[in-house]
C-alpha atoms as a PDB file:
ATOM      1  CA  MET A   1      17.403 131.118  30.576  1.00  0.00           C
ATOM      2  CA  ARG A   2      19.965 133.811  29.978  1.00  0.00           C
ATOM      3  CA  ARG A   3      20.229 132.856  26.312  1.00  0.00           C
ATOM      4  CA  VAL A   4      16.464 132.975  25.859  1.00  0.00           C
ATOM      5  CA  MET A   5      16.348 136.486  27.334  1.00  0.00           C
ATOM      6  CA  TYR A   6      19.223 137.543  25.077  1.00  0.00           C
ATOM      7  CA  ILE A   7      17.419 136.232  21.953  1.00  0.00           C
ATOM      8  CA  VAL A   8      14.120 137.866  22.959  1.00  0.00           C
ATOM      9  CA  LEU A   9      15.903 141.161  23.607  1.00  0.00           C
ATOM     10  CA  MET A  10      17.697 141.036  20.239  1.00  0.00           C
ATOM     11  CA  LEU A  11      14.491 140.182  18.367  1.00  0.00           C
ATOM     12  CA  SER A  12      12.618 143.055  19.997  1.00  0.00           C
ATOM     13  CA  PHE A  13      15.495 145.403  19.097  1.00  0.00           C
ATOM     14  CA  VAL A  14      15.426 144.309  15.435  1.00  0.00           C
ATOM     15  CA  ILE A  15      11.633 144.615  15.243  1.00  0.00           C
ATOM     16  CA  GLY A  16      11.769 148.049  16.881  1.00  0.00           C
ATOM     17  CA  MET A  17      14.428 149.306  14.458  1.00  0.00           C
ATOM     18  CA  THR A  18      12.434 148.036  11.488  1.00  0.00           C
ATOM     19  CA  ALA A  19       9.291 149.802  12.704  1.00  0.00           C
ATOM     20  CA  CYS A  20      11.154 153.101  13.129  1.00  0.00           C
ATOM     21  CA  ASN A  21      12.715 153.041   9.670  1.00  0.00           C
ATOM     22  CA  ASP A  22      11.798 156.218   7.718  1.00  0.00           C
ATOM     23  CA  GLU A  23      11.404 154.366   4.433  1.00  0.00           C
ATOM     24  CA  THR A  24       8.631 152.152   5.749  1.00  0.00           C
ATOM     25  CA  SER A  25       6.707 155.017   7.320  1.00  0.00           C
ATOM     26  CA  SER A  26       4.087 157.054   5.484  1.00  0.00           C
ATOM     27  CA  SER A  27       4.939 157.759   1.885  1.00  0.00           C
ATOM     28  CA  ARG A  28       6.550 161.074   1.060  1.00  0.00           C
ATOM     29  CA  ALA A  29       5.803 162.987  -2.107  1.00  0.00           C
ATOM     30  CA  LEU A  30       8.498 164.935  -3.909  1.00  0.00           C
ATOM     31  CA  LEU A  31       7.931 167.651  -6.510  1.00  0.00           C
ATOM     32  CA  SER A  32      10.702 167.863  -9.083  1.00  0.00           C
ATOM     33  CA  ILE A  33      10.900 170.797 -11.459  1.00  0.00           C
ATOM     34  CA  GLY A  34      13.257 170.419 -14.368  1.00  0.00           C
ATOM     35  CA  LYS A  35      14.636 172.862 -16.867  1.00  0.00           C
ATOM     36  CA  PRO A  36      16.838 171.881 -19.807  1.00  0.00           C
ATOM     37  CA  ALA A  37      20.318 173.357 -19.916  1.00  0.00           C
ATOM     38  CA  LYS A  38      22.253 174.346 -23.023  1.00  0.00           C
ATOM     39  CA  ASP A  39      23.409 170.743 -23.421  1.00  0.00           C
ATOM     40  CA  ASN A  40      19.717 169.616 -23.497  1.00  0.00           C
ATOM     41  CA  VAL A  41      20.103 167.709 -20.246  1.00  0.00           C
ATOM     42  CA  ILE A  42      17.232 168.416 -17.854  1.00  0.00           C
ATOM     43  CA  TYR A  43      18.372 169.481 -14.392  1.00  0.00           C
ATOM     44  CA  PHE A  44      15.835 169.141 -11.587  1.00  0.00           C
ATOM     45  CA  THR A  45      15.169 171.099  -8.407  1.00  0.00           C
ATOM     46  CA  HIS A  46      13.197 169.287  -5.704  1.00  0.00           C
ATOM     47  CA  THR A  47      10.850 170.192  -2.862  1.00  0.00           C
ATOM     48  CA  ASP A  48       8.620 168.255  -0.495  1.00  0.00           C
ATOM     49  CA  ASN A  49       6.335 171.194   0.348  1.00  0.00           C
ATOM     50  CA  ARG A  50       2.967 169.467   0.650  1.00  0.00           C
ATOM     51  CA  ARG A  51       0.900 172.575  -0.183  1.00  0.00           C
ATOM     52  CA  LYS A  52       2.806 173.291  -3.407  1.00  0.00           C
ATOM     53  CA  ILE A  53       2.584 169.651  -4.462  1.00  0.00           C
ATOM     54  CA  ASP A  54      -1.171 169.523  -3.869  1.00  0.00           C
ATOM     55  CA  ASP A  55      -1.762 172.830  -5.695  1.00  0.00           C
ATOM     56  CA  ILE A  56       0.167 171.766  -8.781  1.00  0.00           C
ATOM     57  CA  GLN A  57      -1.328 168.283  -8.829  1.00  0.00           C
ATOM     58  CA  THR A  58      -4.859 169.698  -8.524  1.00  0.00           C
ATOM     59  CA  MET A  59      -4.180 172.190 -11.296  1.00  0.00           C
ATOM     60  CA  PHE A  60      -3.247 169.464 -13.771  1.00  0.00           C
ATOM     61  CA  GLN A  61      -5.839 166.934 -12.597  1.00  0.00           C
ATOM     62  CA  ASN A  62      -8.609 169.453 -13.283  1.00  0.00           C
ATOM     63  CA  LYS A  63      -7.444 169.928 -16.876  1.00  0.00           C
ATOM     64  CA  LYS A  64      -9.175 168.060 -19.681  1.00  0.00           C
ATOM     65  CA  TRP A  65      -6.583 165.743 -21.228  1.00  0.00           C
ATOM     66  CA  LYS A  66      -7.053 164.416 -24.759  1.00  0.00           C
ATOM     67  CA  ARG A  67      -5.157 161.928 -26.847  1.00  0.00           C
ATOM     68  CA  ASN A  68      -2.422 163.874 -28.598  1.00  0.00           C
ATOM     69  CA  GLU A  69      -3.213 164.025 -32.301  1.00  0.00           C
ATOM     70  CA  VAL A  70      -2.194 167.593 -33.121  1.00  0.00           C
ATOM     71  CA  PHE A  71       0.764 168.777 -31.043  1.00  0.00           C
ATOM     72  CA  SER A  72       4.184 167.508 -32.123  1.00  0.00           C
ATOM     73  CA  THR A  73       7.259 167.503 -29.897  1.00  0.00           C
ATOM     74  CA  VAL A  74       9.630 166.659 -32.746  1.00  0.00           C
ATOM     75  CA  ASN A  75      12.716 168.908 -32.672  1.00  0.00           C
ATOM     76  CA  LYS A  76      11.322 170.789 -29.662  1.00  0.00           C
ATOM     77  CA  THR A  77      13.030 171.099 -26.309  1.00  0.00           C
ATOM     78  CA  PRO A  78      10.686 171.260 -23.317  1.00  0.00           C
ATOM     79  CA  ASP A  79      10.733 174.503 -21.374  1.00  0.00           C
ATOM     80  CA  LEU A  80       9.747 172.907 -18.081  1.00  0.00           C
ATOM     81  CA  VAL A  81       9.215 169.387 -16.729  1.00  0.00           C
ATOM     82  CA  LEU A  82       7.109 168.779 -13.609  1.00  0.00           C
ATOM     83  CA  THR A  83       7.015 165.449 -11.839  1.00  0.00           C
ATOM     84  CA  ILE A  84       5.490 164.391  -8.536  1.00  0.00           C
ATOM     85  CA  ASP A  85       6.907 161.139  -7.238  1.00  0.00           C
ATOM     86  CA  GLU A  86       5.698 159.103  -4.316  1.00  0.00           C
ATOM     87  CA  ALA A  87       8.472 157.383  -2.363  1.00  0.00           C
ATOM     88  CA  ASN A  88       8.820 153.647  -3.026  1.00  0.00           C
ATOM     89  CA  THR A  89       6.356 153.502  -5.920  1.00  0.00           C
ATOM     90  CA  GLY A  90       6.718 152.855  -9.621  1.00  0.00           C
ATOM     91  CA  LEU A  91       5.235 155.491 -11.891  1.00  0.00           C
ATOM     92  CA  PRO A  92       5.046 159.117 -10.765  1.00  0.00           C
ATOM     93  CA  ARG A  93       1.704 160.588  -9.690  1.00  0.00           C
ATOM     94  CA  LEU A  94       2.222 163.420 -12.154  1.00  0.00           C
ATOM     95  CA  TYR A  95       4.613 163.853 -15.063  1.00  0.00           C
ATOM     96  CA  VAL A  96       4.029 166.861 -17.295  1.00  0.00           C
ATOM     97  CA  THR A  97       6.257 168.382 -19.955  1.00  0.00           C
ATOM     98  CA  LEU A  98       5.512 172.031 -20.783  1.00  0.00           C
ATOM     99  CA  PHE A  99       6.283 173.850 -24.020  1.00  0.00           C
ATOM    100  CA  PHE A 100       5.715 177.613 -23.702  1.00  0.00           C
ATOM    101  CA  HIS A 101       4.355 179.839 -26.461  1.00  0.00           C
ATOM    102  CA  GLU A 102       2.930 183.358 -26.711  1.00  0.00           C
ATOM    103  CA  ASN A 103      -0.610 182.310 -25.682  1.00  0.00           C
ATOM    104  CA  GLY A 104       0.341 180.080 -22.731  1.00  0.00           C
ATOM    105  CA  ALA A 105       1.758 176.562 -22.870  1.00  0.00           C
ATOM    106  CA  ASP A 106       1.184 173.134 -24.337  1.00  0.00           C
ATOM    107  CA  ALA A 107       1.424 170.245 -21.890  1.00  0.00           C
ATOM    108  CA  ILE A 108       2.069 166.559 -22.537  1.00  0.00           C
ATOM    109  CA  ASN A 109       1.661 164.033 -19.728  1.00  0.00           C
ATOM    110  CA  LEU A 110       3.324 160.657 -19.181  1.00  0.00           C
ATOM    111  CA  TYR A 111       0.631 158.880 -21.192  1.00  0.00           C
ATOM    112  CA  GLY A 112       1.087 161.100 -24.253  1.00  0.00           C
ATOM    113  CA  GLU A 113      -2.110 163.052 -23.633  1.00  0.00           C
ATOM    114  CA  HIS A 114      -2.207 166.758 -24.481  1.00  0.00           C
ATOM    115  CA  THR A 115      -3.740 169.847 -22.925  1.00  0.00           C
ATOM    116  CA  THR A 116      -3.081 173.571 -23.060  1.00  0.00           C
ATOM    117  CA  LEU A 117      -2.586 176.199 -20.393  1.00  0.00           C
ATOM    118  CA  ASN A 118      -3.719 179.743 -21.071  1.00  0.00           C
ATOM    119  CA  LYS A 119      -1.747 182.758 -19.850  1.00  0.00           C
ATOM    120  CA  GLU A 120      -3.745 183.006 -16.613  1.00  0.00           C
ATOM    121  CA  GLU A 121      -3.116 179.360 -15.721  1.00  0.00           C
ATOM    122  CA  LEU A 122       0.547 179.761 -16.584  1.00  0.00           C
ATOM    123  CA  ASN A 123       0.753 182.807 -14.295  1.00  0.00           C
ATOM    124  CA  LYS A 124      -0.869 180.794 -11.477  1.00  0.00           C
ATOM    125  CA  LEU A 125       1.713 178.072 -11.999  1.00  0.00           C
ATOM    126  CA  ARG A 126       4.487 180.648 -11.934  1.00  0.00           C
ATOM    127  CA  GLU A 127       3.143 182.110  -8.658  1.00  0.00           C
ATOM    128  CA  LYS A 128       3.013 178.673  -7.040  1.00  0.00           C
ATOM    129  CA  MET A 129       6.642 177.965  -7.903  1.00  0.00           C
ATOM    130  CA  SER A 130       8.245 181.407  -7.816  1.00  0.00           C
ATOM    131  CA  ALA A 131       9.074 181.323  -4.098  1.00  0.00           C
ATOM    132  CA  TYR A 132      11.213 178.237  -4.624  1.00  0.00           C
ATOM    133  CA  TYR A 133      12.549 178.731  -8.116  1.00  0.00           C
ATOM    134  CA  PRO A 134      12.474 182.472  -8.883  1.00  0.00           C
ATOM    135  CA  GLU A 135      15.258 182.697 -11.473  1.00  0.00           C
ATOM    136  CA  MET A 136      14.169 179.596 -13.356  1.00  0.00           C
ATOM    137  CA  ILE A 137      10.468 180.333 -13.552  1.00  0.00           C
ATOM    138  CA  LEU A 138      10.615 184.072 -14.111  1.00  0.00           C
ATOM    139  CA  ALA A 139      13.077 183.629 -16.959  1.00  0.00           C
ATOM    140  CA  LEU A 140      10.884 181.032 -18.632  1.00  0.00           C
ATOM    141  CA  VAL A 141       7.415 182.471 -18.195  1.00  0.00           C
ATOM    142  CA  SER A 142       8.129 186.167 -18.749  1.00  0.00           C
END
């Protein structure tokens, strides 16, 4: 009888620990903002601020994406890379590479589709990220 109680107690402990594990709880989104350094390696800064993630995701989901037939990334270094990853999933929810120019920015997503951001949209993006990444964003977008 004592052994049965011991086994039941151990099983309930293992089941309880598994249920309380953070990785199996609700998924957690992470916004990563990357900027290439002088060595062309992209270094990322991360945040899990739900409001910022939703704002940026909505901004790019509302854009009209087209198959890229015009814009070439050959010999170009991206100015900014945005990615929104969901914990424990495969592909990111959002992966956008931005190339700035005088009229705004060109954006390429993970699927090779292209869209453009005008100056106003680029300023909105800068405002959404400036609280977290002031030096990076202000230097790039100015």
